[in-house]
Amino acid sequence: MPRTHTDSRNWVEHGTALLATQVAALDEQAMTEPSALPGWTRKHLVAHVAANADALGNLVRWARTGERTPMYASTDQRNADIESGAKLSATELAAWMNRSARNLAVAMDDLTADQWRAEVVTAQGRTVAATEIPWLRAREVCVHAVDLGTGLTFADLPDGFLSALVVDIRAKRGLVEVPDGPLPEVAAYLAGRPHSLAGVADLGPWL
């Protein structure tokens, strides 16, 4: 069954809560340790998630006002924001992540039906309806909750989300078929994360 707008909003809420709970349990030392993403500490990852909410907020503003508001001024600016954010304390980072998530949720709540149908452009240059914004955010918070490296796996994410993720990544990677296996492992494999599937080709990183 295709994902719905309501599905995406629910997965944003679920993933946001999941991530916030994990971050709240980490002290300063734990936040400076490596995440599951190569080259990034947990602070880098949390800074990325916080900045992503602010960036998607720009797209919501675009949909609401009709004024072109890109997610990021540039790739360099995006990277600089993550690096500077990674220098904040664990407490400051958690506050930024939670604040930006709340602001995005409130902004999305305020969009009218017509505004949700407005076209915006993602950081990858894709033109999409604003209704795609919650799905973009759901991917970020759910997948990165696992990437934080606190013990969560794809099996801890909702089945509906995982099914939608498989469909999404399969299309973006141009795959005719996907390997057989448990849904969480297939989703992890397609997303370029650790998995238990045997005899499959390396697909490289995603998200």
Protein backbone atom coordinates (compact mmCIF):
# COMPACT_ATOMS: atom_id res chain seq x y z
CA MET A 1 0.00 0.00 0.00
CA PRO A 2 1.48 3.42 -0.96
CA ARG A 3 2.47 5.66 1.94
CA THR A 4 0.11 8.50 2.73
CA HIS A 5 0.72 12.04 3.95
CA THR A 6 -0.66 10.99 7.35
CA ASP A 7 1.73 8.02 7.42
CA SER A 8 4.70 10.31 6.84
CA ARG A 9 3.62 12.75 9.55
CA ASN A 10 3.22 9.86 12.00
CA TRP A 11 6.67 8.49 11.15
CA VAL A 12 8.19 11.94 11.67
CA GLU A 13 6.68 12.03 15.14
CA HIS A 14 7.81 8.48 15.91
CA GLY A 15 11.36 8.97 14.64
CA THR A 16 11.72 12.34 16.36
CA ALA A 17 10.73 10.85 19.70
CA LEU A 18 12.98 7.84 19.16
CA LEU A 19 15.98 10.01 18.34
CA ALA A 20 15.33 12.46 21.16
CA THR A 21 15.18 9.62 23.69
CA GLN A 22 18.52 8.22 22.49
CA VAL A 23 20.23 11.62 22.50
CA ALA A 24 18.92 12.46 25.98
CA ALA A 25 20.59 9.32 27.33
CA LEU A 26 24.05 10.29 26.04
CA ASP A 27 26.46 12.38 28.11
CA GLU A 28 29.16 14.69 26.76
CA GLN A 29 31.72 11.92 26.37
CA ALA A 30 29.29 9.55 24.64
CA MET A 31 28.27 12.29 22.21
CA THR A 32 31.87 12.76 21.09
CA GLU A 33 32.22 9.08 20.20
CA PRO A 34 31.89 7.87 16.59
CA SER A 35 28.43 7.37 15.16
CA ALA A 36 27.70 4.52 12.76
CA LEU A 37 28.38 6.89 9.85
CA PRO A 38 32.02 6.96 8.70
CA GLY A 39 33.83 10.15 9.68
CA TRP A 40 31.04 11.51 11.86
CA THR A 41 30.82 11.61 15.63
CA ARG A 42 27.43 11.48 17.26
CA LYS A 43 27.66 15.27 17.57
CA HIS A 44 28.06 15.58 13.80
CA LEU A 45 25.02 13.40 13.27
CA VAL A 46 22.84 15.32 15.74
CA ALA A 47 23.97 18.63 14.23
CA HIS A 48 23.01 17.31 10.80
CA VAL A 49 19.54 16.27 11.98
CA ALA A 50 18.99 19.64 13.66
CA ALA A 51 20.15 21.57 10.60
CA ASN A 52 17.97 19.37 8.39
CA ALA A 53 14.86 20.39 10.34
CA ASP A 54 15.77 24.05 9.88
CA ALA A 55 16.40 23.44 6.16
CA LEU A 56 13.09 21.65 5.64
CA GLY A 57 11.50 24.55 7.49
CA ASN A 58 12.74 26.70 4.61
CA LEU A 59 10.78 24.51 2.20
CA VAL A 60 7.67 24.81 4.38
CA ARG A 61 8.11 28.60 4.29
CA TRP A 62 8.45 28.42 0.50
CA ALA A 63 5.19 26.46 0.28
CA ARG A 64 3.41 28.89 2.59
CA THR A 65 4.60 32.16 1.06
CA GLY A 66 5.45 31.26 -2.52
CA GLU A 67 8.85 32.89 -2.01
CA ARG A 68 11.71 30.68 -3.21
CA THR A 69 13.58 29.59 -0.07
CA PRO A 70 16.19 26.87 -0.72
CA MET A 71 17.00 24.35 1.99
CA TYR A 72 20.63 25.47 2.13
CA ALA A 73 22.47 28.50 0.76
CA SER A 74 25.10 26.10 -0.58
CA THR A 75 26.68 22.71 0.06
CA ASP A 76 29.60 24.47 1.72
CA GLN A 77 27.24 26.28 4.07
CA ARG A 78 25.48 23.00 4.91
CA ASN A 79 28.79 21.32 5.74
CA ALA A 80 30.01 24.33 7.75
CA ASP A 81 26.81 24.31 9.83
CA ILE A 82 27.35 20.65 10.69
CA GLU A 83 30.99 21.21 11.62
CA SER A 84 30.19 24.22 13.81
CA GLY A 85 27.27 22.37 15.37
CA ALA A 86 29.55 19.44 16.24
CA LYS A 87 31.56 21.83 18.42
CA LEU A 88 28.57 22.60 20.66
CA SER A 89 28.10 20.88 23.99
CA ALA A 90 25.86 17.82 24.16
CA THR A 91 23.26 19.88 26.02
CA GLU A 92 23.30 22.66 23.43
CA LEU A 93 23.06 20.19 20.57
CA ALA A 94 20.12 18.36 22.10
CA ALA A 95 18.36 21.68 22.66
CA TRP A 96 18.93 22.71 19.02
CA MET A 97 17.73 19.35 17.71
CA ASN A 98 14.59 19.41 19.81
CA ARG A 99 13.85 23.08 19.10
CA SER A 100 14.27 22.73 15.34
CA ALA A 101 12.06 19.62 15.33
CA ARG A 102 9.31 21.45 17.22
CA ASN A 103 9.53 24.47 14.93
CA LEU A 104 9.25 22.26 11.85
CA ALA A 105 6.25 20.39 13.27
CA VAL A 106 4.44 23.65 14.09
CA ALA A 107 5.21 25.08 10.63
CA MET A 108 3.86 21.95 8.93
CA ASP A 109 0.73 22.05 11.08
CA ASP A 110 0.02 25.56 9.80
CA LEU A 111 0.07 24.71 6.08
CA THR A 112 -3.27 24.72 4.28
CA ALA A 113 -4.33 22.03 1.82
CA ASP A 114 -3.47 24.31 -1.11
CA GLN A 115 -0.05 25.14 0.36
CA TRP A 116 0.76 21.45 0.77
CA ARG A 117 0.29 21.12 -2.99
CA ALA A 118 2.82 23.88 -3.75
CA GLU A 119 6.01 22.85 -5.53
CA VAL A 120 9.38 23.19 -3.80
CA VAL A 121 12.91 22.07 -4.69
CA THR A 122 14.93 19.70 -2.51
CA ALA A 123 18.63 20.02 -1.73
CA GLN A 124 19.24 17.42 -4.47
CA GLY A 125 17.49 19.62 -7.01
CA ARG A 126 14.28 17.60 -7.27
CA THR A 127 11.03 19.52 -7.73
CA VAL A 128 8.39 17.95 -5.49
CA ALA A 129 5.08 18.84 -3.90
CA ALA A 130 5.34 20.12 -0.34
CA THR A 131 3.54 16.95 0.73
CA GLU A 132 6.91 15.23 0.24
CA ILE A 133 8.49 17.23 3.09
CA PRO A 134 7.24 14.98 5.93
CA TRP A 135 8.59 11.92 4.15
CA LEU A 136 11.99 13.58 3.72
CA ARG A 137 12.03 14.30 7.44
CA ALA A 138 10.79 10.83 8.42
CA ARG A 139 13.73 9.27 6.57
CA GLU A 140 16.16 11.54 8.38
CA VAL A 141 14.96 10.96 11.93
CA CYS A 142 14.21 7.25 11.63
CA VAL A 143 17.35 6.17 9.78
CA HIS A 144 19.64 8.46 11.78
CA ALA A 145 18.16 7.18 15.04
CA VAL A 146 19.81 3.89 14.07
CA ASP A 147 22.97 5.64 12.82
CA LEU A 148 23.46 7.17 16.26
CA GLY A 149 24.91 3.80 17.25
CA THR A 150 23.17 3.29 20.58
CA GLY A 151 21.98 -0.23 19.81
CA LEU A 152 18.86 0.52 17.80
CA THR A 153 18.49 -1.40 14.53
CA PHE A 154 16.18 -1.18 11.54
CA ALA A 155 14.05 -3.81 13.31
CA ASP A 156 13.14 -1.08 15.85
CA LEU A 157 11.53 1.05 13.12
CA PRO A 158 7.86 0.69 12.06
CA ASP A 159 7.19 -1.92 9.37
CA GLY A 160 5.17 0.57 7.34
CA PHE A 161 8.09 2.98 7.32
CA LEU A 162 10.51 0.23 6.31
CA SER A 163 8.26 -0.87 3.45
CA ALA A 164 8.00 2.71 2.18
CA LEU A 165 11.76 3.13 2.54
CA VAL A 166 12.42 0.01 0.46
CA VAL A 167 10.13 1.31 -2.30
CA ASP A 168 11.78 4.74 -2.20
CA ILE A 169 15.40 3.56 -2.25
CA ARG A 170 14.71 0.88 -4.85
CA ALA A 171 13.34 3.53 -7.20
CA LYS A 172 16.19 5.96 -6.53
CA ARG A 173 18.84 3.28 -7.04
CA GLY A 174 17.05 1.99 -10.16
CA LEU A 175 16.93 -1.58 -8.90
CA VAL A 176 14.77 -4.05 -10.80
CA GLU A 177 14.75 -6.50 -7.91
CA VAL A 178 15.63 -6.51 -4.23
CA PRO A 179 17.03 -9.52 -2.34
CA ASP A 180 14.83 -11.78 -0.27
CA GLY A 181 15.11 -11.53 3.50
CA PRO A 182 13.57 -10.00 6.60
CA LEU A 183 12.20 -6.51 5.88
CA PRO A 184 14.52 -4.71 8.36
CA GLU A 185 17.59 -6.38 6.84
CA VAL A 186 16.52 -5.60 3.27
CA ALA A 187 15.89 -1.96 4.22
CA ALA A 188 19.27 -1.74 5.97
CA TYR A 189 21.00 -3.25 2.94
CA LEU A 190 19.35 -0.88 0.47
CA ALA A 191 20.23 2.06 2.72
CA GLY A 192 23.87 1.04 2.72
CA ARG A 193 23.84 0.16 6.42
CA PRO A 194 25.10 -3.00 8.18
CA HIS A 195 22.87 -6.01 7.46
CA SER A 196 22.82 -9.79 7.68
CA LEU A 197 22.02 -10.59 4.04
CA ALA A 198 24.52 -12.91 2.37
CA GLY A 199 25.70 -12.93 -1.23
CA VAL A 200 24.53 -9.41 -2.13
CA ALA A 201 26.46 -6.72 -3.97
CA ASP A 202 27.66 -3.63 -2.14
CA LEU A 203 25.39 -0.73 -3.08
CA GLY A 204 27.40 2.04 -1.46
CA PRO A 205 26.12 4.77 0.88
CA TRP A 206 22.70 6.39 0.76
CA LEU A 207 21.23 9.36 2.72
